[in-house]
């Protein structure tokens, strides 16, 4: 069931930031998912385990970190210092939808080099 979006967040389809009171949200698998106005009728899409990777382009990944501001900063810094990972952008902290939850969520967009991604995929292959 779609509801008006009370808090800002990234659109589940295009990753565009959706401001509070803009777009819609719905509960999917026990979590609230935000959709921008252009994608408010979109169906939830499964994540593909094997994406096609252009050798010259680092694939982007979005990570949601939920915790205190300090915890979110520690995770961001850990990603920034990881070999083969670059944090491309960071969202402003978003309050949790539950008014009794004083944590925030921060969205990080990161790029993983094709070499690192290929190594991890080899290690995951039985």
PDB file of N, CA and C in Angstrom:
ATOM      1  N   UNK A   1       0.835  -1.176   0.000  1.00  0.00           N
ATOM      2  CA  UNK A   1       0.000   0.000   0.000  1.00  0.00           C
ATOM      3  C   UNK A   1       0.890   1.253   0.000  1.00  0.00           C
ATOM      4  N   UNK A   2       0.664   2.119  -0.961  1.00  0.00           N
ATOM      5  CA  UNK A   2       1.433   3.357  -1.078  1.00  0.00           C
ATOM      6  C   UNK A   2       0.963   4.374  -0.047  1.00  0.00           C
ATOM      7  N   UNK A   3       1.937   5.136   0.469  1.00  0.00           N
ATOM      8  CA  UNK A   3       1.648   6.198   1.421  1.00  0.00           C
ATOM      9  C   UNK A   3       2.472   7.416   1.052  1.00  0.00           C
ATOM     10  N   UNK A   4       2.027   8.611   1.447  1.00  0.00           N
ATOM     11  CA  UNK A   4       2.863   9.791   1.229  1.00  0.00           C
ATOM     12  C   UNK A   4       4.199   9.621   1.953  1.00  0.00           C
ATOM     13  N   UNK A   5       5.252  10.093   1.344  1.00  0.00           N
ATOM     14  CA  UNK A   5       6.587   9.979   1.915  1.00  0.00           C
ATOM     15  C   UNK A   5       6.812  11.091   2.933  1.00  0.00           C
ATOM     16  N   UNK A   6       6.968  10.729   4.212  1.00  0.00           N
ATOM     17  CA  UNK A   6       7.144  11.740   5.264  1.00  0.00           C
ATOM     18  C   UNK A   6       8.602  12.137   5.461  1.00  0.00           C
ATOM     19  N   UNK A   7       9.533  11.276   5.088  1.00  0.00           N
ATOM     20  CA  UNK A   7      10.957  11.544   5.302  1.00  0.00           C
ATOM     21  C   UNK A   7      11.697  11.435   3.980  1.00  0.00           C
ATOM     22  N   UNK A   8      12.795  12.146   3.861  1.00  0.00           N
ATOM     23  CA  UNK A   8      13.593  12.080   2.645  1.00  0.00           C
ATOM     24  C   UNK A   8      14.269  10.729   2.507  1.00  0.00           C
ATOM     25  N   UNK A   9      14.616  10.385   1.282  1.00  0.00           N
ATOM     26  CA  UNK A   9      15.317   9.132   1.020  1.00  0.00           C
ATOM     27  C   UNK A   9      15.609   8.998  -0.454  1.00  0.00           C
ATOM     28  N   UNK A  10      16.347   7.962  -0.823  1.00  0.00           N
ATOM     29  CA  UNK A  10      16.698   7.717  -2.221  1.00  0.00           C
ATOM     30  C   UNK A  10      15.621   6.869  -2.883  1.00  0.00           C
ATOM     31  N   UNK A  11      15.233   7.231  -4.103  1.00  0.00           N
ATOM     32  CA  UNK A  11      14.255   6.455  -4.871  1.00  0.00           C
ATOM     33  C   UNK A  11      14.822   5.062  -5.117  1.00  0.00           C
ATOM     34  N   UNK A  12      14.007   4.041  -4.906  1.00  0.00           N
ATOM     35  CA  UNK A  12      14.445   2.654  -5.065  1.00  0.00           C
ATOM     36  C   UNK A  12      14.742   2.307  -6.513  1.00  0.00           C
ATOM     37  N   UNK A  13      14.236   3.080  -7.470  1.00  0.00           N
ATOM     38  CA  UNK A  13      14.447   2.776  -8.883  1.00  0.00           C
ATOM     39  C   UNK A  13      15.617   3.559  -9.465  1.00  0.00           C
ATOM     40  N   UNK A  14      15.632   4.887  -9.260  1.00  0.00           N
ATOM     41  CA  UNK A  14      16.642   5.725  -9.917  1.00  0.00           C
ATOM     42  C   UNK A  14      17.670   6.324  -8.957  1.00  0.00           C
ATOM     43  N   UNK A  15      17.526   6.098  -7.656  1.00  0.00           N
ATOM     44  CA  UNK A  15      18.430   6.589  -6.608  1.00  0.00           C
ATOM     45  C   UNK A  15      18.435   8.106  -6.453  1.00  0.00           C
ATOM     46  N   UNK A  16      17.502   8.791  -7.091  1.00  0.00           N
ATOM     47  CA  UNK A  16      17.372  10.235  -6.921  1.00  0.00           C
ATOM     48  C   UNK A  16      16.872  10.526  -5.512  1.00  0.00           C
ATOM     49  N   UNK A  17      17.405  11.574  -4.891  1.00  0.00           N
ATOM     50  CA  UNK A  17      16.947  11.942  -3.555  1.00  0.00           C
ATOM     51  C   UNK A  17      15.509  12.439  -3.633  1.00  0.00           C
ATOM     52  N   UNK A  18      14.650  11.883  -2.793  1.00  0.00           N
ATOM     53  CA  UNK A  18      13.246  12.279  -2.701  1.00  0.00           C
ATOM     54  C   UNK A  18      13.075  13.031  -1.390  1.00  0.00           C
ATOM     55  N   UNK A  19      12.727  14.308  -1.491  1.00  0.00           N
ATOM     56  CA  UNK A  19      12.590  15.158  -0.308  1.00  0.00           C
ATOM     57  C   UNK A  19      11.372  14.756   0.515  1.00  0.00           C
ATOM     58  N   UNK A  20      11.360  15.111   1.809  1.00  0.00           N
ATOM     59  CA  UNK A  20      10.180  14.857   2.629  1.00  0.00           C
ATOM     60  C   UNK A  20       8.940  15.481   1.993  1.00  0.00           C
ATOM     61  N   UNK A  21       7.810  14.790   2.108  1.00  0.00           N
ATOM     62  CA  UNK A  21       6.525  15.217   1.564  1.00  0.00           C
ATOM     63  C   UNK A  21       6.485  15.155   0.034  1.00  0.00           C
ATOM     64  N   UNK A  22       7.482  14.535  -0.585  1.00  0.00           N
ATOM     65  CA  UNK A  22       7.501  14.340  -2.039  1.00  0.00           C
ATOM     66  C   UNK A  22       7.480  12.835  -2.304  1.00  0.00           C
ATOM     67  N   UNK A  23       7.017  12.412  -3.455  1.00  0.00           N
ATOM     68  CA  UNK A  23       7.007  10.999  -3.787  1.00  0.00           C
ATOM     69  C   UNK A  23       6.121  10.193  -2.860  1.00  0.00           C
ATOM     70  N   UNK A  24       6.335   8.883  -2.861  1.00  0.00           N
ATOM     71  CA  UNK A  24       5.549   7.970  -2.038  1.00  0.00           C
ATOM     72  C   UNK A  24       6.475   6.932  -1.412  1.00  0.00           C
ATOM     73  N   UNK A  25       5.937   6.181  -0.457  1.00  0.00           N
ATOM     74  CA  UNK A  25       6.693   5.077   0.124  1.00  0.00           C
ATOM     75  C   UNK A  25       5.739   3.909   0.347  1.00  0.00           C
ATOM     76  N   UNK A  26       6.311   2.722   0.458  1.00  0.00           N
ATOM     77  CA  UNK A  26       5.513   1.548   0.779  1.00  0.00           C
ATOM     78  C   UNK A  26       6.382   0.556   1.526  1.00  0.00           C
ATOM     79  N   UNK A  27       5.728  -0.285   2.297  1.00  0.00           N
ATOM     80  CA  UNK A  27       6.435  -1.299   3.069  1.00  0.00           C
ATOM     81  C   UNK A  27       6.720  -2.493   2.164  1.00  0.00           C
ATOM     82  N   UNK A  28       7.984  -2.842   2.056  1.00  0.00           N
ATOM     83  CA  UNK A  28       8.403  -3.983   1.247  1.00  0.00           C
ATOM     84  C   UNK A  28       9.328  -4.851   2.090  1.00  0.00           C
ATOM     85  N   UNK A  29       8.934  -6.067   2.311  1.00  0.00           N
ATOM     86  CA  UNK A  29       9.735  -7.016   3.089  1.00  0.00           C
ATOM     87  C   UNK A  29      10.111  -6.438   4.452  1.00  0.00           C
ATOM     88  N   UNK A  30       9.167  -5.731   5.067  1.00  0.00           N
ATOM     89  CA  UNK A  30       9.381  -5.213   6.408  1.00  0.00           C
ATOM     90  C   UNK A  30      10.140  -3.906   6.496  1.00  0.00           C
ATOM     91  N   UNK A  31      10.479  -3.295   5.365  1.00  0.00           N
ATOM     92  CA  UNK A  31      11.184  -2.013   5.373  1.00  0.00           C
ATOM     93  C   UNK A  31      10.452  -1.028   4.474  1.00  0.00           C
ATOM     94  N   UNK A  32      10.558   0.249   4.815  1.00  0.00           N
ATOM     95  CA  UNK A  32       9.931   1.284   4.001  1.00  0.00           C
ATOM     96  C   UNK A  32      10.827   1.597   2.812  1.00  0.00           C
ATOM     97  N   UNK A  33      10.231   1.599   1.620  1.00  0.00           N
ATOM     98  CA  UNK A  33      10.952   1.893   0.388  1.00  0.00           C
ATOM     99  C   UNK A  33      10.357   3.158  -0.220  1.00  0.00           C
ATOM    100  N   UNK A  34      11.230   4.080  -0.629  1.00  0.00           N
ATOM    101  CA  UNK A  34      10.815   5.379  -1.162  1.00  0.00           C
ATOM    102  C   UNK A  34      10.872   5.356  -2.690  1.00  0.00           C
ATOM    103  N   UNK A  35       9.876   5.999  -3.326  1.00  0.00           N
ATOM    104  CA  UNK A  35       9.830   6.129  -4.778  1.00  0.00           C
ATOM    105  C   UNK A  35       9.589   7.591  -5.146  1.00  0.00           C
ATOM    106  N   UNK A  36      10.306   8.083  -6.135  1.00  0.00           N
ATOM    107  CA  UNK A  36      10.093   9.451  -6.618  1.00  0.00           C
ATOM    108  C   UNK A  36       8.776   9.502  -7.391  1.00  0.00           C
ATOM    109  N   UNK A  37       8.348  10.688  -7.747  1.00  0.00           N
ATOM    110  CA  UNK A  37       7.082  10.864  -8.460  1.00  0.00           C
ATOM    111  C   UNK A  37       7.078  10.110  -9.783  1.00  0.00           C
ATOM    112  N   UNK A  38       8.201  10.086 -10.474  1.00  0.00           N
ATOM    113  CA  UNK A  38       8.274   9.409 -11.767  1.00  0.00           C
ATOM    114  C   UNK A  38       8.147   7.891 -11.638  1.00  0.00           C
ATOM    115  N   UNK A  39       8.525   7.339 -10.494  1.00  0.00           N
ATOM    116  CA  UNK A  39       8.532   5.886 -10.322  1.00  0.00           C
ATOM    117  C   UNK A  39       7.541   5.400  -9.260  1.00  0.00           C
ATOM    118  N   UNK A  40       6.549   6.208  -8.925  1.00  0.00           N
ATOM    119  CA  UNK A  40       5.660   5.843  -7.825  1.00  0.00           C
ATOM    120  C   UNK A  40       4.810   4.615  -8.111  1.00  0.00           C
ATOM    121  N   UNK A  41       4.713   4.190  -9.363  1.00  0.00           N
ATOM    122  CA  UNK A  41       3.952   2.978  -9.684  1.00  0.00           C
ATOM    123  C   UNK A  41       4.872   1.800  -9.983  1.00  0.00           C
ATOM    124  N   UNK A  42       6.164   1.966  -9.760  1.00  0.00           N
ATOM    125  CA  UNK A  42       7.125   0.898 -10.072  1.00  0.00           C
ATOM    126  C   UNK A  42       6.928  -0.313  -9.167  1.00  0.00           C
ATOM    127  N   UNK A  43       7.149  -1.477  -9.740  1.00  0.00           N
ATOM    128  CA  UNK A  43       7.112  -2.719  -8.969  1.00  0.00           C
ATOM    129  C   UNK A  43       8.487  -2.949  -8.362  1.00  0.00           C
ATOM    130  N   UNK A  44       8.554  -3.564  -7.192  1.00  0.00           N
ATOM    131  CA  UNK A  44       9.856  -3.894  -6.608  1.00  0.00           C
ATOM    132  C   UNK A  44      10.635  -4.775  -7.573  1.00  0.00           C
ATOM    133  N   UNK A  45      11.932  -4.467  -7.762  1.00  0.00           N
ATOM    134  CA  UNK A  45      12.745  -5.224  -8.689  1.00  0.00           C
ATOM    135  C   UNK A  45      13.791  -6.020  -7.927  1.00  0.00           C
ATOM    136  N   UNK A  46      13.945  -7.312  -8.272  1.00  0.00           N
ATOM    137  CA  UNK A  46      14.964  -8.112  -7.600  1.00  0.00           C
ATOM    138  C   UNK A  46      16.358  -7.650  -7.990  1.00  0.00           C
ATOM    139  N   UNK A  47      17.297  -7.835  -7.078  1.00  0.00           N
ATOM    140  CA  UNK A  47      18.682  -7.470  -7.343  1.00  0.00           C
ATOM    141  C   UNK A  47      19.352  -8.607  -8.074  1.00  0.00           C
ATOM    142  N   UNK A  48      20.026  -8.304  -9.159  1.00  0.00           N
ATOM    143  CA  UNK A  48      20.722  -9.319  -9.932  1.00  0.00           C
ATOM    144  C   UNK A  48      22.079  -9.605  -9.315  1.00  0.00           C
ATOM    145  N   UNK A  49      22.392 -10.871  -9.138  1.00  0.00           N
ATOM    146  CA  UNK A  49      23.681 -11.248  -8.553  1.00  0.00           C
ATOM    147  C   UNK A  49      24.808 -11.126  -9.552  1.00  0.00           C
ATOM    148  N   UNK A  50      24.497 -11.237 -10.837  1.00  0.00           N
ATOM    149  CA  UNK A  50      25.556 -11.166 -11.843  1.00  0.00           C
ATOM    150  C   UNK A  50      25.252 -10.046 -12.820  1.00  0.00           C
ATOM    151  N   UNK A  51      25.787  -8.883 -12.557  1.00  0.00           N
ATOM    152  CA  UNK A  51      25.584  -7.733 -13.424  1.00  0.00           C
ATOM    153  C   UNK A  51      26.713  -7.673 -14.447  1.00  0.00           C
ATOM    154  N   UNK A  52      26.401  -7.179 -15.636  1.00  0.00           N
ATOM    155  CA  UNK A  52      27.422  -7.032 -16.662  1.00  0.00           C
ATOM    156  C   UNK A  52      28.257  -5.813 -16.325  1.00  0.00           C
ATOM    157  N   UNK A  53      29.571  -5.969 -16.326  1.00  0.00           N
ATOM    158  CA  UNK A  53      30.475  -4.902 -15.916  1.00  0.00           C
ATOM    159  C   UNK A  53      31.316  -4.461 -17.097  1.00  0.00           C
ATOM    160  N   UNK A  54      31.290  -3.171 -17.405  1.00  0.00           N
ATOM    161  CA  UNK A  54      32.173  -2.598 -18.408  1.00  0.00           C
ATOM    162  C   UNK A  54      33.562  -2.532 -17.790  1.00  0.00           C
ATOM    163  N   UNK A  55      34.549  -3.044 -18.492  1.00  0.00           N
ATOM    164  CA  UNK A  55      35.903  -3.106 -17.946  1.00  0.00           C
ATOM    165  C   UNK A  55      36.463  -1.732 -17.588  1.00  0.00           C
ATOM    166  N   UNK A  56      36.016  -0.676 -18.290  1.00  0.00           N
ATOM    167  CA  UNK A  56      36.561   0.661 -18.052  1.00  0.00           C
ATOM    168  C   UNK A  56      35.769   1.447 -17.008  1.00  0.00           C
ATOM    169  N   UNK A  57      34.660   0.923 -16.567  1.00  0.00           N
ATOM    170  CA  UNK A  57      33.804   1.674 -15.649  1.00  0.00           C
ATOM    171  C   UNK A  57      33.635   0.922 -14.336  1.00  0.00           C
ATOM    172  N   UNK A  58      33.843   1.640 -13.252  1.00  0.00           N
ATOM    173  CA  UNK A  58      33.644   1.034 -11.933  1.00  0.00           C
ATOM    174  C   UNK A  58      32.149   0.991 -11.642  1.00  0.00           C
ATOM    175  N   UNK A  59      31.597  -0.168 -11.285  1.00  0.00           N
ATOM    176  CA  UNK A  59      30.165  -0.240 -10.980  1.00  0.00           C
ATOM    177  C   UNK A  59      29.836   0.517  -9.702  1.00  0.00           C
ATOM    178  N   UNK A  60      28.679   1.179  -9.707  1.00  0.00           N
ATOM    179  CA  UNK A  60      28.247   1.934  -8.525  1.00  0.00           C
ATOM    180  C   UNK A  60      27.382   1.054  -7.643  1.00  0.00           C
ATOM    181  N   UNK A  61      27.500   1.280  -6.371  1.00  0.00           N
ATOM    182  CA  UNK A  61      26.702   0.556  -5.394  1.00  0.00           C
ATOM    183  C   UNK A  61      26.200   1.581  -4.387  1.00  0.00           C
ATOM    184  N   UNK A  62      24.988   1.377  -3.889  1.00  0.00           N
ATOM    185  CA  UNK A  62      24.471   2.276  -2.868  1.00  0.00           C
ATOM    186  C   UNK A  62      24.366   1.513  -1.558  1.00  0.00           C
ATOM    187  N   UNK A  63      24.877   2.125  -0.509  1.00  0.00           N
ATOM    188  CA  UNK A  63      24.888   1.507   0.811  1.00  0.00           C
ATOM    189  C   UNK A  63      24.110   2.405   1.764  1.00  0.00           C
ATOM    190  N   UNK A  64      23.170   1.823   2.495  1.00  0.00           N
ATOM    191  CA  UNK A  64      22.465   2.584   3.524  1.00  0.00           C
ATOM    192  C   UNK A  64      23.067   2.204   4.865  1.00  0.00           C
ATOM    193  N   UNK A  65      23.511   3.203   5.606  1.00  0.00           N
ATOM    194  CA  UNK A  65      24.083   2.989   6.927  1.00  0.00           C
ATOM    195  C   UNK A  65      23.119   3.591   7.938  1.00  0.00           C
ATOM    196  N   UNK A  66      22.718   2.812   8.924  1.00  0.00           N
ATOM    197  CA  UNK A  66      21.809   3.290   9.949  1.00  0.00           C
ATOM    198  C   UNK A  66      22.485   3.184  11.305  1.00  0.00           C
ATOM    199  N   UNK A  67      22.507   4.282  12.026  1.00  0.00           N
ATOM    200  CA  UNK A  67      23.123   4.320  13.345  1.00  0.00           C
ATOM    201  C   UNK A  67      23.228   5.753  13.812  1.00  0.00           C
ATOM    202  N   UNK A  68      24.104   5.997  14.779  1.00  0.00           N
ATOM    203  CA  UNK A  68      24.345   7.379  15.212  1.00  0.00           C
ATOM    204  C   UNK A  68      25.153   8.080  14.127  1.00  0.00           C
ATOM    205  N   UNK A  69      25.234   9.408  14.203  1.00  0.00           N
ATOM    206  CA  UNK A  69      26.054  10.139  13.222  1.00  0.00           C
ATOM    207  C   UNK A  69      27.496   9.659  13.251  1.00  0.00           C
ATOM    208  N   UNK A  70      28.016   9.388  14.440  1.00  0.00           N
ATOM    209  CA  UNK A  70      29.396   8.918  14.557  1.00  0.00           C
ATOM    210  C   UNK A  70      29.558   7.545  13.911  1.00  0.00           C
ATOM    211  N   UNK A  71      28.606   6.643  14.115  1.00  0.00           N
ATOM    212  CA  UNK A  71      28.694   5.320  13.509  1.00  0.00           C
ATOM    213  C   UNK A  71      28.645   5.406  11.986  1.00  0.00           C
ATOM    214  N   UNK A  72      27.782   6.252  11.464  1.00  0.00           N
ATOM    215  CA  UNK A  72      27.696   6.426  10.012  1.00  0.00           C
ATOM    216  C   UNK A  72      29.014   6.960   9.460  1.00  0.00           C
ATOM    217  N   UNK A  73      29.640   7.893  10.167  1.00  0.00           N
ATOM    218  CA  UNK A  73      30.915   8.455   9.728  1.00  0.00           C
ATOM    219  C   UNK A  73      32.016   7.395   9.731  1.00  0.00           C
ATOM    220  N   UNK A  74      32.039   6.530  10.750  1.00  0.00           N
ATOM    221  CA  UNK A  74      33.051   5.468  10.823  1.00  0.00           C
ATOM    222  C   UNK A  74      32.919   4.520   9.626  1.00  0.00           C
ATOM    223  N   UNK A  75      31.691   4.144   9.289  1.00  0.00           N
ATOM    224  CA  UNK A  75      31.485   3.245   8.150  1.00  0.00           C
ATOM    225  C   UNK A  75      31.920   3.923   6.857  1.00  0.00           C
ATOM    226  N   UNK A  76      31.584   5.198   6.696  1.00  0.00           N
ATOM    227  CA  UNK A  76      32.005   5.936   5.497  1.00  0.00           C
ATOM    228  C   UNK A  76      33.528   5.960   5.401  1.00  0.00           C
ATOM    229  N   UNK A  77      34.204   6.257   6.484  1.00  0.00           N
ATOM    230  CA  UNK A  77      35.665   6.312   6.469  1.00  0.00           C
ATOM    231  C   UNK A  77      36.273   4.937   6.203  1.00  0.00           C
ATOM    232  N   UNK A  78      35.650   3.886   6.708  1.00  0.00           N
ATOM    233  CA  UNK A  78      36.145   2.532   6.440  1.00  0.00           C
ATOM    234  C   UNK A  78      36.048   2.213   4.952  1.00  0.00           C
ATOM    235  N   UNK A  79      34.931   2.598   4.329  1.00  0.00           N
ATOM    236  CA  UNK A  79      34.798   2.371   2.893  1.00  0.00           C
ATOM    237  C   UNK A  79      35.812   3.202   2.101  1.00  0.00           C
ATOM    238  N   UNK A  80      36.031   4.445   2.539  1.00  0.00           N
ATOM    239  CA  UNK A  80      36.968   5.318   1.827  1.00  0.00           C
ATOM    240  C   UNK A  80      38.401   4.790   1.875  1.00  0.00           C
ATOM    241  N   UNK A  81      38.745   4.051   2.908  1.00  0.00           N
ATOM    242  CA  UNK A  81      40.109   3.549   3.035  1.00  0.00           C
ATOM    243  C   UNK A  81      40.269   2.133   2.483  1.00  0.00           C
ATOM    244  N   UNK A  82      39.174   1.499   2.050  1.00  0.00           N
ATOM    245  CA  UNK A  82      39.252   0.150   1.492  1.00  0.00           C
ATOM    246  C   UNK A  82      39.878   0.196   0.099  1.00  0.00           C
ATOM    247  N   UNK A  83      40.752  -0.755  -0.174  1.00  0.00           N
ATOM    248  CA  UNK A  83      41.397  -0.830  -1.484  1.00  0.00           C
ATOM    249  C   UNK A  83      40.356  -1.113  -2.563  1.00  0.00           C
ATOM    250  N   UNK A  84      40.389  -0.330  -3.637  1.00  0.00           N
ATOM    251  CA  UNK A  84      39.490  -0.557  -4.762  1.00  0.00           C
ATOM    252  C   UNK A  84      38.102   0.005  -4.599  1.00  0.00           C
ATOM    253  N   UNK A  85      37.847   0.767  -3.524  1.00  0.00           N
ATOM    254  CA  UNK A  85      36.521   1.346  -3.288  1.00  0.00           C
ATOM    255  C   UNK A  85      36.665   2.859  -3.156  1.00  0.00           C
ATOM    256  N   UNK A  86      35.813   3.590  -3.854  1.00  0.00           N
ATOM    257  CA  UNK A  86      35.779   5.047  -3.762  1.00  0.00           C
ATOM    258  C   UNK A  86      34.368   5.478  -3.403  1.00  0.00           C
ATOM    259  N   UNK A  87      34.220   6.286  -2.357  1.00  0.00           N
ATOM    260  CA  UNK A  87      32.907   6.831  -2.000  1.00  0.00           C
ATOM    261  C   UNK A  87      32.683   8.056  -2.879  1.00  0.00           C
ATOM    262  N   UNK A  88      31.701   7.958  -3.791  1.00  0.00           N
ATOM    263  CA  UNK A  88      31.446   9.022  -4.753  1.00  0.00           C
ATOM    264  C   UNK A  88      30.582  10.135  -4.163  1.00  0.00           C
ATOM    265  N   UNK A  89      29.612   9.784  -3.318  1.00  0.00           N
ATOM    266  CA  UNK A  89      28.757  10.804  -2.712  1.00  0.00           C
ATOM    267  C   UNK A  89      28.130  10.264  -1.440  1.00  0.00           C
ATOM    268  N   UNK A  90      27.694  11.194  -0.608  1.00  0.00           N
ATOM    269  CA  UNK A  90      27.061  10.856   0.668  1.00  0.00           C
ATOM    270  C   UNK A  90      25.840  11.747   0.845  1.00  0.00           C
ATOM    271  N   UNK A  91      24.722  11.159   1.257  1.00  0.00           N
ATOM    272  CA  UNK A  91      23.517  11.956   1.475  1.00  0.00           C
ATOM    273  C   UNK A  91      23.580  12.641   2.835  1.00  0.00           C
ATOM    274  N   UNK A  92      22.688  13.573   3.023  1.00  0.00           N
ATOM    275  CA  UNK A  92      22.507  14.166   4.348  1.00  0.00           C
ATOM    276  C   UNK A  92      21.881  13.107   5.248  1.00  0.00           C
ATOM    277  N   UNK A  93      22.066  13.192   6.559  1.00  0.00           N
ATOM    278  CA  UNK A  93      21.430  12.219   7.462  1.00  0.00           C
ATOM    279  C   UNK A  93      19.909  12.336   7.401  1.00  0.00           C
ATOM    280  N   UNK A  94      19.235  11.198   7.353  1.00  0.00           N
ATOM    281  CA  UNK A  94      17.777  11.142   7.312  1.00  0.00           C
ATOM    282  C   UNK A  94      17.281  10.540   8.621  1.00  0.00           C
ATOM    283  N   UNK A  95      16.314  11.177   9.274  1.00  0.00           N
ATOM    284  CA  UNK A  95      15.779  10.589  10.508  1.00  0.00           C
ATOM    285  C   UNK A  95      15.019   9.307  10.192  1.00  0.00           C
ATOM    286  N   UNK A  96      14.946   8.413  11.139  1.00  0.00           N
ATOM    287  CA  UNK A  96      14.204   7.163  10.976  1.00  0.00           C
ATOM    288  C   UNK A  96      12.712   7.469  11.015  1.00  0.00           C
ATOM    289  N   UNK A  97      11.916   6.626  10.366  1.00  0.00           N
ATOM    290  CA  UNK A  97      10.463   6.840  10.328  1.00  0.00           C
ATOM    291  C   UNK A  97       9.828   6.636  11.702  1.00  0.00           C
ATOM    292  N   UNK A  98      10.385   5.754  12.496  1.00  0.00           N
ATOM    293  CA  UNK A  98       9.876   5.501  13.844  1.00  0.00           C
ATOM    294  C   UNK A  98      10.320   6.656  14.740  1.00  0.00           C
ATOM    295  N   UNK A  99       9.373   7.385  15.280  1.00  0.00           N
ATOM    296  CA  UNK A  99       9.691   8.566  16.080  1.00  0.00           C
ATOM    297  C   UNK A  99      10.469   8.239  17.346  1.00  0.00           C
ATOM    298  N   UNK A 100      10.391   6.981  17.812  1.00  0.00           N
ATOM    299  CA  UNK A 100      11.122   6.581  19.011  1.00  0.00           C
ATOM    300  C   UNK A 100      12.544   6.133  18.710  1.00  0.00           C
ATOM    301  N   UNK A 101      12.913   6.095  17.438  1.00  0.00           N
ATOM    302  CA  UNK A 101      14.246   5.657  17.018  1.00  0.00           C
ATOM    303  C   UNK A 101      15.087   6.896  16.731  1.00  0.00           C
ATOM    304  N   UNK A 102      16.110   7.155  17.558  1.00  0.00           N
ATOM    305  CA  UNK A 102      16.898   8.379  17.393  1.00  0.00           C
ATOM    306  C   UNK A 102      18.072   8.207  16.433  1.00  0.00           C
ATOM    307  N   UNK A 103      18.165   7.056  15.778  1.00  0.00           N
ATOM    308  CA  UNK A 103      19.226   6.854  14.791  1.00  0.00           C
ATOM    309  C   UNK A 103      18.897   7.593  13.492  1.00  0.00           C
ATOM    310  N   UNK A 104      19.884   7.707  12.629  1.00  0.00           N
ATOM    311  CA  UNK A 104      19.696   8.295  11.317  1.00  0.00           C
ATOM    312  C   UNK A 104      20.160   7.290  10.258  1.00  0.00           C
ATOM    313  N   UNK A 105      19.744   7.518   9.027  1.00  0.00           N
ATOM    314  CA  UNK A 105      20.228   6.728   7.899  1.00  0.00           C
ATOM    315  C   UNK A 105      20.982   7.651   6.962  1.00  0.00           C
ATOM    316  N   UNK A 106      22.124   7.180   6.479  1.00  0.00           N
ATOM    317  CA  UNK A 106      22.936   7.915   5.515  1.00  0.00           C
ATOM    318  C   UNK A 106      23.146   6.994   4.323  1.00  0.00           C
ATOM    319  N   UNK A 107      22.969   7.526   3.123  1.00  0.00           N
ATOM    320  CA  UNK A 107      23.172   6.758   1.903  1.00  0.00           C
ATOM    321  C   UNK A 107      24.529   7.128   1.310  1.00  0.00           C
ATOM    322  N   UNK A 108      25.316   6.104   1.010  1.00  0.00           N
ATOM    323  CA  UNK A 108      26.628   6.300   0.398  1.00  0.00           C
ATOM    324  C   UNK A 108      26.595   5.691  -0.988  1.00  0.00           C
ATOM    325  N   UNK A 109      27.072   6.423  -1.995  1.00  0.00           N
ATOM    326  CA  UNK A 109      27.254   5.850  -3.328  1.00  0.00           C
ATOM    327  C   UNK A 109      28.741   5.618  -3.492  1.00  0.00           C
ATOM    328  N   UNK A 110      29.073   4.392  -3.790  1.00  0.00           N
ATOM    329  CA  UNK A 110      30.483   4.032  -3.906  1.00  0.00           C
ATOM    330  C   UNK A 110      30.746   3.376  -5.249  1.00  0.00           C
ATOM    331  N   UNK A 111      31.995   3.410  -5.656  1.00  0.00           N
ATOM    332  CA  UNK A 111      32.430   2.738  -6.870  1.00  0.00           C
ATOM    333  C   UNK A 111      33.449   1.681  -6.481  1.00  0.00           C
ATOM    334  N   UNK A 112      33.305   0.495  -7.055  1.00  0.00           N
ATOM    335  CA  UNK A 112      34.218  -0.609  -6.799  1.00  0.00           C
ATOM    336  C   UNK A 112      34.950  -0.891  -8.102  1.00  0.00           C
ATOM    337  N   UNK A 113      36.266  -0.947  -8.044  1.00  0.00           N
ATOM    338  CA  UNK A 113      37.019  -1.189  -9.290  1.00  0.00           C
ATOM    339  C   UNK A 113      36.675  -2.563  -9.844  1.00  0.00           C
ATOM    340  N   UNK A 114      36.672  -2.705 -11.175  1.00  0.00           N
ATOM    341  CA  UNK A 114      36.377  -4.006 -11.782  1.00  0.00           C
ATOM    342  C   UNK A 114      37.303  -5.119 -11.296  1.00  0.00           C
ATOM    343  N   UNK A 115      38.564  -4.809 -11.030  1.00  0.00           N
ATOM    344  CA  UNK A 115      39.500  -5.842 -10.567  1.00  0.00           C
ATOM    345  C   UNK A 115      39.092  -6.387  -9.205  1.00  0.00           C
ATOM    346  N   UNK A 116      38.719  -5.510  -8.285  1.00  0.00           N
ATOM    347  CA  UNK A 116      38.296  -5.958  -6.959  1.00  0.00           C
ATOM    348  C   UNK A 116      36.994  -6.739  -7.058  1.00  0.00           C
ATOM    349  N   UNK A 117      36.052  -6.241  -7.839  1.00  0.00           N
ATOM    350  CA  UNK A 117      34.782  -6.924  -8.008  1.00  0.00           C
ATOM    351  C   UNK A 117      34.987  -8.313  -8.612  1.00  0.00           C
ATOM    352  N   UNK A 118      35.848  -8.424  -9.622  1.00  0.00           N
ATOM    353  CA  UNK A 118      36.129  -9.719 -10.251  1.00  0.00           C
ATOM    354  C   UNK A 118      36.748 -10.697  -9.251  1.00  0.00           C
ATOM    355  N   UNK A 119      37.654 -10.211  -8.403  1.00  0.00           N
ATOM    356  CA  UNK A 119      38.287 -11.065  -7.404  1.00  0.00           C
ATOM    357  C   UNK A 119      37.250 -11.610  -6.420  1.00  0.00           C
ATOM    358  N   UNK A 120      36.358 -10.752  -5.955  1.00  0.00           N
ATOM    359  CA  UNK A 120      35.327 -11.190  -5.009  1.00  0.00           C
ATOM    360  C   UNK A 120      34.378 -12.184  -5.685  1.00  0.00           C
ATOM    361  N   UNK A 121      34.005 -11.919  -6.945  1.00  0.00           N
ATOM    362  CA  UNK A 121      33.127 -12.849  -7.654  1.00  0.00           C
ATOM    363  C   UNK A 121      33.795 -14.213  -7.822  1.00  0.00           C
ATOM    364  N   UNK A 122      35.090 -14.245  -8.070  1.00  0.00           N
ATOM    365  CA  UNK A 122      35.819 -15.533  -8.152  1.00  0.00           C
ATOM    366  C   UNK A 122      35.770 -16.260  -6.824  1.00  0.00           C
ATOM    367  N   UNK A 123      35.931 -15.521  -5.726  1.00  0.00           N
ATOM    368  CA  UNK A 123      35.914 -16.145  -4.407  1.00  0.00           C
ATOM    369  C   UNK A 123      34.518 -16.658  -4.038  1.00  0.00           C
ATOM    370  N   UNK A 124      33.478 -16.048  -4.578  1.00  0.00           N
ATOM    371  CA  UNK A 124      32.108 -16.476  -4.282  1.00  0.00           C
ATOM    372  C   UNK A 124      31.674 -17.669  -5.128  1.00  0.00           C
ATOM    373  N   UNK A 125      32.382 -17.932  -6.223  1.00  0.00           N
ATOM    374  CA  UNK A 125      32.016 -19.031  -7.127  1.00  0.00           C
ATOM    375  C   UNK A 125      32.495 -20.350  -6.525  1.00  0.00           C
ATOM    376  N   UNK A 126      31.578 -21.317  -6.366  1.00  0.00           N
ATOM    377  CA  UNK A 126      31.978 -22.602  -5.769  1.00  0.00           C
ATOM    378  C   UNK A 126      32.893 -23.415  -6.684  1.00  0.00           C
TER     379      UNK A 126
END
